[in-house]
N, C-alpha and C. Protein backbone atom coordinates (compact mmCIF):
# COMPACT_ATOMS: atom_id res chain seq x y z
N MET A 1 1.02 -1.30 0.04
CA MET A 1 -0.28 -0.07 0.11
C MET A 1 0.62 1.68 -0.58
N GLY A 2 0.56 2.33 -0.54
CA GLY A 2 1.08 3.23 -0.80
C GLY A 2 0.70 4.37 0.51
N SER A 3 1.85 4.34 1.33
CA SER A 3 1.26 4.86 2.72
C SER A 3 1.76 6.13 3.12
N LEU A 4 2.48 6.39 2.17
CA LEU A 4 3.79 7.46 2.72
C LEU A 4 4.15 8.49 1.56
N SER A 5 2.64 8.38 1.14
CA SER A 5 2.46 9.90 -0.16
C SER A 5 2.45 11.20 0.84
N ASP A 6 1.76 11.24 1.85
CA ASP A 6 1.52 12.22 3.19
C ASP A 6 3.34 13.15 3.40
N SER A 7 4.15 11.70 3.64
CA SER A 7 5.30 12.13 4.43
C SER A 7 6.24 13.44 3.28
N ILE A 8 5.72 12.81 1.97
CA ILE A 8 6.61 13.30 0.96
C ILE A 8 6.33 14.97 0.01
N ARG A 9 4.46 15.07 0.62
CA ARG A 9 3.68 16.04 -0.43
C ARG A 9 4.04 17.94 -0.11
N ASP A 10 4.88 17.47 1.03
CA ASP A 10 5.78 19.34 1.02
C ASP A 10 6.87 19.06 0.82
N CYS A 11 7.74 18.46 -0.21
CA CYS A 11 8.90 17.70 -0.60
C CYS A 11 9.03 18.44 -1.90
N VAL A 12 9.69 19.53 -1.80
CA VAL A 12 8.92 20.65 -3.54
C VAL A 12 10.48 20.70 -4.37
N PHE A 13 11.20 20.02 -4.23
CA PHE A 13 12.45 19.55 -4.63
C PHE A 13 12.48 17.94 -4.90
N TYR A 14 12.74 17.27 -5.88
CA TYR A 14 13.53 15.46 -5.68
C TYR A 14 14.86 15.69 -6.38
N GLY A 15 16.08 15.17 -6.01
CA GLY A 15 16.97 15.55 -6.15
C GLY A 15 17.62 13.99 -6.98
N ILE A 16 18.36 13.91 -8.22
CA ILE A 16 18.63 12.89 -8.94
C ILE A 16 19.74 12.60 -8.94
N LEU A 17 20.58 11.52 -8.20
CA LEU A 17 21.92 11.38 -8.36
C LEU A 17 22.01 10.78 -9.42
N ASP A 18 22.81 11.47 -11.54
CA ASP A 18 22.77 10.78 -12.02
C ASP A 18 24.33 10.71 -12.61
N THR A 19 24.25 9.02 -12.70
CA THR A 19 25.90 8.88 -13.01
C THR A 19 26.21 9.43 -14.87
N ALA A 20 25.17 9.82 -15.50
CA ALA A 20 25.80 10.30 -16.42
C ALA A 20 25.84 11.96 -16.50
N TYR A 21 26.02 12.22 -15.23
CA TYR A 21 26.41 13.72 -14.95
C TYR A 21 27.28 14.09 -13.81
N VAL A 22 28.12 12.60 -13.35
CA VAL A 22 28.63 12.87 -12.12
C VAL A 22 29.36 11.38 -11.94
N PRO A 23 30.46 12.01 -12.36
CA PRO A 23 31.58 11.22 -12.08
C PRO A 23 31.93 9.96 -11.14
N ARG A 24 31.93 8.60 -10.84
CA ARG A 24 31.93 8.03 -9.80
C ARG A 24 32.72 8.35 -8.67
N ALA A 25 33.93 9.56 -8.89
CA ALA A 25 34.43 9.39 -7.92
C ALA A 25 34.07 10.77 -7.44
N ARG A 26 33.29 11.24 -7.86
CA ARG A 26 32.75 12.55 -7.22
C ARG A 26 31.14 11.88 -6.74
N LEU A 27 30.63 10.93 -6.88
CA LEU A 27 29.33 10.82 -6.81
C LEU A 27 29.15 10.67 -4.98
N LEU A 28 29.39 10.13 -4.56
CA LEU A 28 29.51 10.29 -2.84
C LEU A 28 29.71 11.97 -2.36
N SER A 29 30.08 12.67 -2.70
CA SER A 29 30.12 14.18 -2.54
C SER A 29 29.10 14.77 -2.99
N LYS A 30 28.71 14.35 -4.25
CA LYS A 30 27.18 15.20 -4.87
C LYS A 30 26.51 15.04 -4.16
N CYS A 31 26.35 13.49 -3.59
CA CYS A 31 25.17 13.19 -3.13
C CYS A 31 24.90 13.76 -1.41
N ARG A 32 25.94 13.46 -1.22
CA ARG A 32 25.97 14.91 0.14
C ARG A 32 25.35 16.04 -0.08
N GLN A 33 25.71 16.65 -0.91
CA GLN A 33 25.13 18.11 -1.61
C GLN A 33 23.69 17.91 -1.76
N LEU A 34 23.35 17.36 -2.71
CA LEU A 34 21.90 16.78 -2.52
C LEU A 34 21.15 16.52 -1.15
N ILE A 35 21.52 15.46 -0.64
CA ILE A 35 20.88 15.85 0.86
C ILE A 35 20.74 16.98 1.72
N ALA A 36 22.22 17.80 1.46
CA ALA A 36 22.31 18.79 2.72
C ALA A 36 21.18 19.95 2.40
N SER A 37 20.63 19.79 1.15
CA SER A 37 19.54 20.81 0.55
C SER A 37 17.98 20.41 0.95
N GLY A 38 18.28 19.35 1.76
CA GLY A 38 16.96 19.70 2.67
C GLY A 38 15.66 18.43 1.94
N THR A 39 15.84 18.20 1.10
CA THR A 39 14.91 17.61 0.11
C THR A 39 15.04 15.80 0.63
N LYS A 40 13.54 15.65 0.88
CA LYS A 40 12.92 13.92 0.97
C LYS A 40 13.33 12.94 0.27
N LEU A 41 13.63 13.39 -1.15
CA LEU A 41 13.81 12.27 -2.37
C LEU A 41 15.10 12.40 -2.82
N VAL A 42 15.97 11.36 -3.02
CA VAL A 42 17.37 11.77 -3.75
C VAL A 42 17.55 10.04 -4.66
N GLN A 43 17.38 9.96 -6.14
CA GLN A 43 17.37 8.89 -6.83
C GLN A 43 18.11 8.79 -7.33
N LEU A 44 19.12 7.46 -7.65
CA LEU A 44 20.57 7.14 -7.74
C LEU A 44 19.69 6.72 -9.23
N ARG A 45 20.17 6.73 -10.09
CA ARG A 45 19.73 6.89 -11.67
C ARG A 45 21.06 6.84 -12.20
N ALA A 46 21.15 5.25 -12.50
CA ALA A 46 22.49 5.03 -12.80
C ALA A 46 22.34 4.08 -14.47
N LYS A 47 21.76 4.79 -15.28
CA LYS A 47 21.38 3.52 -17.29
C LYS A 47 22.77 3.01 -17.23
N GLY A 48 24.01 4.15 -17.29
CA GLY A 48 25.27 3.51 -17.95
C GLY A 48 25.77 2.43 -17.46
N GLU A 49 25.45 2.25 -16.27
CA GLU A 49 26.02 1.29 -15.28
C GLU A 49 25.38 -0.35 -15.70
N ASP A 50 26.19 -1.28 -15.48
CA ASP A 50 25.93 -2.29 -14.97
C ASP A 50 24.96 -2.90 -14.13
N GLU A 51 24.88 -4.13 -13.31
CA GLU A 51 23.79 -4.16 -12.22
C GLU A 51 24.84 -4.65 -11.09
N ARG A 52 25.95 -4.57 -11.51
CA ARG A 52 26.90 -4.88 -10.53
C ARG A 52 27.47 -3.64 -9.91
N GLN A 53 27.44 -2.55 -10.87
CA GLN A 53 28.00 -1.13 -10.67
C GLN A 53 26.55 -0.80 -9.89
N ARG A 54 26.05 -0.97 -10.72
CA ARG A 54 24.37 0.25 -9.92
C ARG A 54 24.60 -0.71 -8.53
N ARG A 55 24.56 -1.63 -8.18
CA ARG A 55 25.03 -2.26 -6.57
C ARG A 55 25.89 -1.65 -5.89
N GLU A 56 27.11 -1.42 -6.61
CA GLU A 56 28.41 -1.23 -5.51
C GLU A 56 27.93 0.40 -5.68
N ILE A 57 27.58 0.90 -6.06
CA ILE A 57 27.22 2.45 -6.37
C ILE A 57 26.19 3.02 -4.90
N ALA A 58 25.48 1.91 -4.69
CA ALA A 58 24.19 2.03 -4.04
C ALA A 58 24.21 1.76 -2.76
N LEU A 59 25.47 0.99 -2.52
CA LEU A 59 25.93 0.74 -1.08
C LEU A 59 26.47 1.52 -0.49
N GLU A 60 27.49 2.12 -1.62
CA GLU A 60 28.60 3.05 -1.16
C GLU A 60 27.95 4.28 -0.57
N ILE A 61 26.70 5.23 -1.21
CA ILE A 61 26.07 5.98 -0.78
C ILE A 61 25.16 5.86 0.33
N LEU A 62 24.91 4.70 0.56
CA LEU A 62 24.18 4.36 1.72
C LEU A 62 24.30 4.52 2.79
N PRO A 63 25.06 4.86 3.50
CA PRO A 63 25.54 5.11 4.99
C PRO A 63 24.95 6.57 5.23
N LEU A 64 25.34 7.32 3.74
CA LEU A 64 24.64 8.48 3.60
C LEU A 64 23.01 9.00 4.58
N PHE A 65 22.38 7.56 4.02
CA PHE A 65 21.14 7.97 4.23
C PHE A 65 20.67 7.35 5.76
N ARG A 66 21.59 6.30 5.99
CA ARG A 66 21.19 6.05 7.75
C ARG A 66 21.51 6.91 8.23
N ASP A 67 22.85 7.82 7.87
CA ASP A 67 22.76 8.97 8.86
C ASP A 67 21.64 10.31 8.54
N ASN A 68 20.64 10.05 7.69
CA ASN A 68 20.33 11.01 7.57
C ASN A 68 18.62 10.72 7.19
N ALA A 69 18.18 9.98 8.42
CA ALA A 69 16.84 9.97 7.96
C ALA A 69 15.49 10.28 7.70
N HIS A 70 16.18 11.58 7.41
CA HIS A 70 15.39 12.58 6.76
C HIS A 70 14.81 12.49 5.11
N CYS A 71 15.77 11.82 4.76
CA CYS A 71 16.11 11.63 3.45
C CYS A 71 15.69 10.21 3.02
N ASN A 72 14.71 10.04 2.02
CA ASN A 72 14.91 8.98 1.44
C ASN A 72 15.67 8.55 -0.07
N LEU A 73 16.32 7.19 -0.12
CA LEU A 73 16.96 6.73 -1.31
C LEU A 73 16.55 6.38 -1.93
N ILE A 74 15.98 6.37 -3.55
CA ILE A 74 15.11 6.01 -4.24
C ILE A 74 15.73 4.96 -5.68
N ILE A 75 15.74 3.93 -5.99
CA ILE A 75 16.44 3.12 -6.77
C ILE A 75 16.18 3.32 -8.38
N ASN A 76 16.15 3.64 -9.74
CA ASN A 76 15.62 3.86 -10.50
C ASN A 76 15.74 2.78 -11.17
N ASP A 77 14.26 2.13 -11.58
CA ASP A 77 13.89 1.14 -12.69
C ASP A 77 14.64 -0.50 -12.10
N ASP A 78 15.31 -0.21 -10.86
CA ASP A 78 16.25 -1.71 -10.99
C ASP A 78 15.01 -2.35 -9.59
N ILE A 79 14.40 -3.17 -9.95
CA ILE A 79 13.44 -3.85 -8.54
C ILE A 79 14.30 -4.36 -7.70
N ARG A 80 14.87 -5.67 -8.72
CA ARG A 80 15.95 -6.36 -7.25
C ARG A 80 16.46 -5.61 -6.64
N LEU A 81 17.50 -4.67 -7.14
CA LEU A 81 18.61 -3.52 -6.66
C LEU A 81 17.56 -2.90 -5.49
N ALA A 82 16.31 -2.66 -5.70
CA ALA A 82 15.48 -1.60 -4.99
C ALA A 82 15.05 -2.49 -3.36
N GLU A 83 14.87 -3.43 -3.75
CA GLU A 83 14.59 -5.17 -2.82
C GLU A 83 15.54 -5.17 -1.62
N GLU A 84 16.89 -5.05 -2.68
CA GLU A 84 17.82 -5.42 -1.43
C GLU A 84 18.14 -4.15 -0.59
N ILE A 85 18.36 -2.81 -1.22
CA ILE A 85 18.00 -1.54 -0.25
C ILE A 85 16.84 -1.70 0.72
N CYS A 86 15.70 -1.61 -0.16
CA CYS A 86 14.37 -1.44 1.33
C CYS A 86 14.81 -2.35 2.54
N SER A 87 15.76 -3.29 2.02
CA SER A 87 15.78 -3.99 3.39
C SER A 87 16.83 -4.07 4.65
N VAL A 88 17.58 -3.06 3.84
CA VAL A 88 18.70 -2.65 4.94
C VAL A 88 17.68 -1.18 5.17
N ILE A 89 17.24 -0.37 4.35
CA ILE A 89 17.26 0.96 5.33
C ILE A 89 15.55 1.35 5.15
N PRO A 90 15.03 1.93 6.06
CA PRO A 90 13.61 2.37 5.75
C PRO A 90 13.15 3.21 5.17
N ASN A 91 14.34 4.42 5.46
CA ASN A 91 14.27 5.81 4.41
C ASN A 91 14.83 5.01 2.81
N SER A 92 13.63 4.50 2.16
CA SER A 92 14.42 4.60 0.75
C SER A 92 13.35 3.83 -0.35
N GLY A 93 13.25 3.37 -1.64
CA GLY A 93 12.17 2.86 -1.89
C GLY A 93 12.49 2.67 -3.76
N LEU A 94 11.43 2.60 -4.47
CA LEU A 94 11.98 2.66 -5.83
C LEU A 94 11.35 3.51 -6.98
N HIS A 95 11.40 3.85 -8.14
CA HIS A 95 10.97 4.26 -9.02
C HIS A 95 11.13 3.91 -10.19
N ILE A 96 9.48 3.73 -11.03
CA ILE A 96 10.11 2.76 -12.19
C ILE A 96 8.71 3.66 -13.25
N GLY A 97 9.48 3.42 -15.11
CA GLY A 97 8.80 3.63 -15.97
C GLY A 97 7.54 3.06 -16.10
N GLN A 98 6.47 3.38 -17.63
CA GLN A 98 5.75 2.83 -17.72
C GLN A 98 6.01 1.64 -18.05
N ASP A 99 7.27 1.20 -18.12
CA ASP A 99 7.32 -0.27 -19.14
C ASP A 99 8.50 -1.12 -18.32
N ASP A 100 8.72 -0.67 -17.25
CA ASP A 100 9.45 -1.10 -16.17
C ASP A 100 9.54 -2.09 -15.21
N GLY A 101 8.21 -3.07 -15.19
CA GLY A 101 7.72 -3.75 -14.68
C GLY A 101 6.26 -3.28 -13.84
N ASP A 102 5.29 -4.38 -13.55
CA ASP A 102 4.05 -4.70 -12.79
C ASP A 102 4.10 -4.11 -11.16
N LEU A 103 3.58 -3.03 -11.26
CA LEU A 103 3.53 -2.22 -9.83
C LEU A 103 3.08 -2.63 -8.86
N LYS A 104 2.50 -4.07 -9.03
CA LYS A 104 2.06 -4.75 -7.87
C LYS A 104 3.18 -5.20 -6.88
N LEU A 105 3.81 -6.31 -8.04
CA LEU A 105 4.94 -7.22 -8.15
C LEU A 105 5.97 -5.87 -7.34
N ALA A 106 6.01 -4.81 -8.18
CA ALA A 106 7.25 -3.98 -7.32
C ALA A 106 7.16 -3.66 -5.83
N ARG A 107 5.42 -3.38 -5.59
CA ARG A 107 5.12 -2.63 -3.99
C ARG A 107 5.36 -3.98 -3.47
N LYS A 108 4.77 -5.21 -3.91
CA LYS A 108 5.39 -6.61 -2.93
C LYS A 108 6.96 -6.42 -2.58
N ALA A 109 7.66 -6.57 -4.02
CA ALA A 109 9.36 -6.36 -3.33
C ALA A 109 9.55 -5.63 -2.99
N ILE A 110 9.50 -4.49 -2.72
CA ILE A 110 9.86 -3.45 -1.66
C ILE A 110 9.39 -3.48 -0.43
N GLY A 111 8.07 -3.85 -0.49
CA GLY A 111 7.45 -3.58 1.28
C GLY A 111 6.57 -2.64 1.45
N LYS A 112 5.14 -2.30 2.28
CA LYS A 112 4.39 -1.47 2.43
C LYS A 112 4.78 -0.24 2.57
N LYS A 113 6.14 -0.37 3.78
CA LYS A 113 6.66 1.10 4.29
C LYS A 113 7.92 1.72 3.89
N ARG A 114 7.61 1.49 2.25
CA ARG A 114 9.09 2.03 1.10
C ARG A 114 7.85 2.98 0.16
N ILE A 115 8.69 3.87 -0.25
CA ILE A 115 8.02 4.25 -1.09
C ILE A 115 8.17 3.85 -2.85
N LEU A 116 7.05 4.30 -3.35
CA LEU A 116 7.54 3.81 -4.65
C LEU A 116 5.93 4.96 -5.22
N GLY A 117 7.25 5.29 -6.60
CA GLY A 117 7.10 6.10 -7.93
C GLY A 117 6.99 5.75 -8.98
N LEU A 118 6.39 6.39 -10.13
CA LEU A 118 5.82 6.26 -11.35
C LEU A 118 6.07 7.30 -12.00
N SER A 119 6.39 7.26 -13.18
CA SER A 119 6.65 8.43 -14.31
C SER A 119 5.08 7.98 -15.29
N THR A 120 5.04 9.12 -15.79
CA THR A 120 3.53 9.26 -16.82
C THR A 120 4.02 10.57 -17.63
N HIS A 121 3.36 10.29 -18.63
CA HIS A 121 4.30 10.75 -19.75
C HIS A 121 2.42 11.52 -20.61
N SER A 122 1.07 11.53 -19.62
CA SER A 122 0.20 11.83 -20.84
C SER A 122 -0.73 12.01 -19.76
N ILE A 123 -2.21 12.42 -19.91
CA ILE A 123 -2.83 13.01 -19.01
C ILE A 123 -3.93 11.62 -18.49
N GLU A 124 -3.79 10.70 -19.89
CA GLU A 124 -4.16 9.54 -19.25
C GLU A 124 -3.39 8.31 -18.31
N GLN A 125 -2.15 8.77 -18.61
CA GLN A 125 -1.29 7.49 -17.35
C GLN A 125 -1.10 8.67 -16.39
N ALA A 126 -1.43 9.85 -15.82
CA ALA A 126 -1.42 10.26 -14.67
C ALA A 126 -2.73 9.90 -14.47
N LYS A 127 -4.01 10.17 -14.93
CA LYS A 127 -5.17 9.51 -14.27
C LYS A 127 -4.77 8.37 -13.75
N ALA A 128 -4.22 7.38 -14.61
CA ALA A 128 -4.22 5.61 -13.97
C ALA A 128 -3.58 5.65 -13.02
N ALA A 129 -2.41 6.56 -12.70
CA ALA A 129 -1.37 6.51 -11.38
C ALA A 129 -2.08 7.20 -10.20
N ASP A 130 -2.78 8.07 -10.59
CA ASP A 130 -3.26 8.78 -9.21
C ASP A 130 -4.65 7.74 -8.78
N GLY A 131 -5.18 6.99 -10.03
CA GLY A 131 -5.79 5.90 -9.21
C GLY A 131 -5.38 4.67 -9.23
N LEU A 132 -3.78 4.85 -8.14
CA LEU A 132 -3.29 3.69 -7.65
C LEU A 132 -3.00 3.86 -6.10
N SER A 133 -3.68 4.82 -5.87
CA SER A 133 -3.30 5.65 -4.89
C SER A 133 -2.65 4.42 -3.10
N GLU A 134 -3.38 3.17 -3.86
CA GLU A 134 -3.24 2.54 -2.59
C GLU A 134 -1.99 1.25 -2.60
N ILE A 135 -1.26 1.81 -3.95
CA ILE A 135 -0.25 1.21 -4.15
C ILE A 135 1.19 2.26 -4.65
N LEU A 136 1.07 3.64 -5.01
CA LEU A 136 2.16 4.48 -5.44
C LEU A 136 2.04 5.35 -4.59
N ASP A 137 3.05 5.91 -3.99
CA ASP A 137 3.09 6.98 -3.00
C ASP A 137 3.20 8.41 -3.91
N TYR A 138 3.70 8.46 -5.16
CA TYR A 138 3.83 9.79 -5.93
C TYR A 138 3.89 9.22 -7.27
N PHE A 139 3.44 10.35 -8.33
CA PHE A 139 3.78 10.15 -9.53
C PHE A 139 4.43 11.40 -10.49
N ALA A 140 5.36 11.28 -11.81
CA ALA A 140 5.90 12.17 -12.52
C ALA A 140 5.17 12.36 -13.56
N VAL A 141 5.64 14.14 -13.74
CA VAL A 141 4.81 13.99 -14.87
C VAL A 141 5.61 14.84 -15.95
N GLY A 142 5.81 14.29 -16.96
CA GLY A 142 7.14 14.81 -18.12
C GLY A 142 7.38 14.12 -19.29
N PRO A 143 8.85 14.62 -20.30
CA PRO A 143 9.17 16.04 -19.64
C PRO A 143 8.84 16.67 -20.28
N ILE A 144 8.59 17.31 -19.36
CA ILE A 144 8.36 18.94 -19.72
C ILE A 144 9.07 19.61 -21.16
N PHE A 145 9.90 19.58 -20.96
CA PHE A 145 10.58 20.01 -22.17
C PHE A 145 11.50 19.46 -22.57
N ALA A 146 12.01 19.06 -23.50
CA ALA A 146 13.38 18.12 -24.47
C ALA A 146 14.03 18.65 -23.61
N THR A 147 15.10 17.17 -22.96
CA THR A 147 16.16 17.25 -21.96
C THR A 147 16.77 16.03 -22.57
N ASN A 148 18.60 16.34 -22.45
CA ASN A 148 19.26 15.18 -23.08
C ASN A 148 19.39 14.08 -21.41
N THR A 149 18.56 14.61 -20.84
CA THR A 149 18.41 13.05 -19.75
C THR A 149 17.41 12.41 -20.50
N LYS A 150 16.88 12.81 -20.96
CA LYS A 150 15.94 11.81 -21.96
C LYS A 150 15.96 12.28 -23.23
N PRO A 151 16.89 11.50 -23.83
CA PRO A 151 17.38 11.27 -25.71
C PRO A 151 15.63 10.85 -26.07
N GLY A 152 15.34 11.68 -26.73
CA GLY A 152 14.51 10.78 -27.35
C GLY A 152 13.06 10.85 -27.66
N ARG A 153 12.52 11.07 -26.21
CA ARG A 153 11.83 11.75 -25.70
C ARG A 153 10.81 12.41 -25.94
N LYS A 154 9.50 12.62 -26.48
CA LYS A 154 9.01 13.61 -26.77
C LYS A 154 8.83 14.52 -25.62
N ALA A 155 9.14 15.70 -25.87
CA ALA A 155 8.61 16.89 -24.94
C ALA A 155 7.04 16.62 -24.15
N VAL A 156 6.03 16.79 -23.32
CA VAL A 156 4.81 17.00 -23.01
C VAL A 156 4.38 18.21 -23.39
N GLY A 157 5.07 19.09 -22.82
CA GLY A 157 4.75 20.65 -22.33
C GLY A 157 3.76 21.13 -20.92
N LEU A 158 3.86 22.54 -21.22
CA LEU A 158 3.25 22.83 -19.67
C LEU A 158 1.60 22.84 -20.00
N GLY A 159 1.32 22.12 -21.51
CA GLY A 159 -0.40 22.36 -21.44
C GLY A 159 -0.71 20.59 -20.27
N LEU A 160 0.44 20.12 -20.26
CA LEU A 160 0.15 18.84 -19.84
C LEU A 160 0.13 18.71 -18.21
N LEU A 161 0.85 19.55 -17.27
CA LEU A 161 0.92 20.29 -16.13
C LEU A 161 -0.39 20.87 -15.74
N ARG A 162 -0.80 21.74 -16.74
CA ARG A 162 -2.13 22.37 -16.32
C ARG A 162 -3.48 21.43 -16.45
N SER A 163 -3.08 20.23 -17.01
CA SER A 163 -4.46 18.82 -17.04
C SER A 163 -4.03 18.57 -15.85
N VAL A 164 -3.36 17.67 -15.40
CA VAL A 164 -2.80 17.55 -14.00
C VAL A 164 -2.95 18.08 -13.47
N ARG A 165 -3.29 19.86 -12.81
CA ARG A 165 -3.07 19.84 -12.09
C ARG A 165 -4.76 19.99 -11.96
N ALA A 166 -5.69 20.00 -12.80
CA ALA A 166 -6.94 19.97 -13.00
C ALA A 166 -7.69 19.12 -12.49
N MET A 167 -6.68 18.39 -12.09
CA MET A 167 -7.01 16.73 -11.86
C MET A 167 -7.84 16.94 -10.58
N ASN A 168 -6.96 17.76 -10.10
CA ASN A 168 -6.67 17.67 -7.65
C ASN A 168 -6.40 16.28 -7.47
N PRO A 169 -4.74 16.12 -8.12
CA PRO A 169 -4.78 14.39 -7.90
C PRO A 169 -4.87 14.19 -6.47
N LEU A 170 -4.89 13.24 -5.42
CA LEU A 170 -4.72 12.82 -4.66
C LEU A 170 -3.52 12.56 -3.97
N LEU A 171 -2.39 12.12 -5.02
CA LEU A 171 -0.68 11.93 -4.68
C LEU A 171 -0.18 13.23 -5.19
N PRO A 172 0.77 13.26 -4.63
CA PRO A 172 1.68 14.14 -5.09
C PRO A 172 1.98 13.78 -6.04
N TRP A 173 2.65 14.84 -7.04
CA TRP A 173 3.09 14.81 -8.32
C TRP A 173 4.09 15.83 -8.07
N PHE A 174 5.27 15.54 -9.51
CA PHE A 174 6.55 16.13 -9.30
C PHE A 174 6.88 16.53 -11.00
N ALA A 175 6.50 17.94 -11.59
CA ALA A 175 7.28 17.76 -12.74
C ALA A 175 9.21 18.07 -13.15
N ILE A 176 9.26 17.39 -14.08
CA ILE A 176 10.54 16.89 -15.04
C ILE A 176 10.60 16.95 -16.15
N GLY A 177 12.04 16.97 -16.09
CA GLY A 177 11.71 17.21 -17.58
C GLY A 177 12.61 18.88 -17.84
N GLY A 178 14.07 19.15 -18.22
CA GLY A 178 14.37 20.47 -18.19
C GLY A 178 13.68 21.69 -17.51
N VAL A 179 13.31 20.95 -16.05
CA VAL A 179 13.47 22.18 -15.58
C VAL A 179 14.64 22.73 -15.20
N ASN A 180 14.62 24.06 -14.80
CA ASN A 180 15.74 24.57 -14.88
C ASN A 180 15.29 26.11 -14.07
N THR A 181 16.59 27.15 -13.66
CA THR A 181 16.56 28.64 -13.25
C THR A 181 15.98 28.93 -14.78
N LYS A 182 15.94 28.88 -15.71
CA LYS A 182 15.48 29.41 -16.93
C LYS A 182 13.71 29.62 -16.62
N THR A 183 13.16 28.34 -16.67
CA THR A 183 12.21 27.99 -16.50
C THR A 183 11.10 27.47 -15.54
N ALA A 184 11.85 27.63 -14.46
CA ALA A 184 11.52 26.97 -12.83
C ALA A 184 9.75 27.68 -13.00
N SER A 185 9.15 29.33 -13.23
CA SER A 185 9.04 29.62 -12.68
C SER A 185 7.27 29.66 -13.69
N GLU A 186 7.66 29.37 -15.23
CA GLU A 186 6.38 29.21 -15.85
C GLU A 186 5.98 27.33 -15.42
N VAL A 187 6.88 27.02 -15.15
CA VAL A 187 6.31 25.58 -14.45
C VAL A 187 5.61 25.68 -13.62
N ARG A 188 6.18 27.04 -12.59
CA ARG A 188 5.03 27.21 -10.98
C ARG A 188 3.79 27.35 -11.79
N LEU A 189 3.89 28.52 -12.83
CA LEU A 189 2.59 28.97 -13.03
C LEU A 189 1.66 28.01 -14.20
N ALA A 190 2.34 27.31 -14.44
CA ALA A 190 1.08 25.92 -14.86
C ALA A 190 0.86 25.48 -14.50
N GLY A 191 1.18 25.40 -12.58
CA GLY A 191 0.28 24.38 -11.58
C GLY A 191 1.49 23.40 -11.23
N ALA A 192 2.30 23.41 -10.97
CA ALA A 192 3.27 21.97 -10.40
C ALA A 192 3.07 22.38 -9.60
N GLU A 193 3.51 21.70 -8.24
CA GLU A 193 3.33 21.87 -6.76
C GLU A 193 5.22 21.23 -6.71
N ARG A 194 5.83 20.43 -7.12
CA ARG A 194 6.91 19.91 -6.82
C ARG A 194 7.40 19.89 -7.87
N ILE A 195 9.00 19.80 -7.59
CA ILE A 195 10.00 19.65 -9.07
C ILE A 195 11.28 18.88 -9.25
N VAL A 196 11.58 18.38 -10.25
CA VAL A 196 12.81 17.57 -10.35
C VAL A 196 13.54 18.10 -10.95
N ALA A 197 14.90 18.00 -11.15
CA ALA A 197 15.61 18.93 -11.93
C ALA A 197 17.33 18.38 -11.99
N VAL A 198 18.05 17.85 -12.87
CA VAL A 198 19.07 17.38 -12.59
C VAL A 198 20.39 17.56 -13.82
N SER A 199 20.18 18.09 -14.66
CA SER A 199 21.42 18.90 -14.45
C SER A 199 21.88 20.41 -14.42
N ASP A 200 20.60 21.06 -14.19
CA ASP A 200 20.85 21.74 -14.20
C ASP A 200 21.73 22.64 -12.28
N VAL A 201 21.26 21.46 -11.71
CA VAL A 201 21.83 21.27 -9.47
C VAL A 201 23.19 20.37 -9.84
N LEU A 202 22.88 19.33 -10.77
CA LEU A 202 24.58 18.73 -10.82
C LEU A 202 25.29 19.17 -11.23
N ILE A 203 25.66 20.04 -12.48
CA ILE A 203 26.55 20.32 -13.02
C ILE A 203 27.51 21.86 -12.42
N PRO A 204 26.69 22.48 -11.64
CA PRO A 204 27.27 23.03 -10.89
C PRO A 204 27.95 23.04 -9.43
N GLU A 205 29.46 23.10 -9.47
CA GLU A 205 29.92 23.01 -8.02
C GLU A 205 29.50 22.87 -6.84
N ASP A 206 28.69 24.32 -6.64
CA ASP A 206 28.11 23.65 -5.19
C ASP A 206 26.49 23.51 -5.38
N THR A 207 26.15 22.18 -5.50
CA THR A 207 24.67 21.73 -5.86
C THR A 207 23.62 22.17 -4.50
N THR A 208 24.04 22.35 -3.39
CA THR A 208 23.03 22.77 -3.13
C THR A 208 23.08 23.97 -2.66
N LYS A 209 23.71 24.76 -3.56
CA LYS A 209 23.68 26.18 -3.63
C LYS A 209 21.88 26.50 -4.53
N ALA A 210 22.86 25.13 -5.88
CA ALA A 210 21.79 25.68 -6.79
C ALA A 210 20.32 25.23 -6.42
N ILE A 211 20.46 24.22 -5.42
CA ILE A 211 19.36 23.79 -5.48
C ILE A 211 18.33 24.82 -4.80
N ASP A 212 19.05 25.72 -3.72
CA ASP A 212 18.25 26.64 -2.91
C ASP A 212 17.55 28.01 -3.73
N SER A 213 18.76 28.26 -4.85
CA SER A 213 18.45 29.29 -6.35
C SER A 213 16.85 28.71 -7.02
N LEU A 214 17.65 28.04 -7.54
CA LEU A 214 16.08 26.69 -8.29
C LEU A 214 14.42 27.22 -7.48
N LYS A 215 14.83 26.76 -6.62
CA LYS A 215 13.40 26.64 -5.28
C LYS A 215 12.81 27.87 -4.90
N ARG A 216 13.95 28.75 -5.21
CA ARG A 216 13.58 30.14 -4.83
C ARG A 216 12.61 30.57 -5.90
N ILE A 217 13.40 30.34 -6.90
CA ILE A 217 12.74 30.68 -8.14
C ILE A 217 11.28 30.09 -8.35
N PHE A 218 11.64 29.22 -8.37
CA PHE A 218 10.11 28.51 -8.45
C PHE A 218 9.12 28.81 -7.15
N LEU A 219 9.36 28.73 -5.66
CA LEU A 219 8.38 29.48 -4.94
C LEU A 219 8.00 30.74 -5.01
N GLU A 220 8.40 31.55 -5.89
CA GLU A 220 8.10 33.22 -6.04
C GLU A 220 7.56 33.38 -6.76
N ALA A 221 7.51 31.88 -8.03
CA ALA A 221 6.21 32.25 -8.84
C ALA A 221 4.93 32.01 -8.33
N ASP A 222 4.01 32.65 -8.49
CA ASP A 222 2.36 32.63 -7.83
C ASP A 222 1.53 32.47 -9.06
N PRO A 223 1.34 31.02 -9.06
CA PRO A 223 -0.10 30.53 -10.41
C PRO A 223 -1.04 31.48 -9.59
N LYS A 224 -1.30 31.77 -8.08
CA LYS A 224 -2.54 32.09 -8.23
C LYS A 224 -2.70 33.44 -8.31
N ALA A 225 -1.90 34.25 -8.67
CA ALA A 225 -1.51 35.84 -8.74
C ALA A 225 -2.11 36.45 -10.13
């Protein structure tokens, strides 16, 4: 059962530790900076690594989450690895895409008291995700803009954010894909309450400072004005 959605409802920024942007030698220090931002969610995305390498990285950064129980280590796509990590620390979970496995089996693998999220790319998928509040804890909507993080994936545009916002979803949801200091305001004005950013915060030397700046720009845009 997705019982942790309320615990992340006030999470404005969702961090992703993406090995496509961070060299292996700097993953630990970059992860510390993500956690230092105060976020409740940091996802390990290691698309270019094999199963063994992903596990090594996850175990390397795991002690940081033991020491920072407010932040959850979310494993991207790898259900087997997520199952292992979720058996070791409670502040953990799994994020999967539309074609990355059965949601009920994923929930069974990680357990009831762990976070489970799903990517969506259309209003139909968003509605379906929100209808699975007994299984999911959140869903992501995107990519809002074209992004190198998801090459080949067509941007869904700001219109989808407006449509999802109009749904008044039961679950917390995050806007992802091309979110940066230049686009954060329009993402907010389109109705997003929470955001994910990757390259815009990972590339700067001071990731914590970059997150603070991004969050400030995002929150200062008032969709009710």
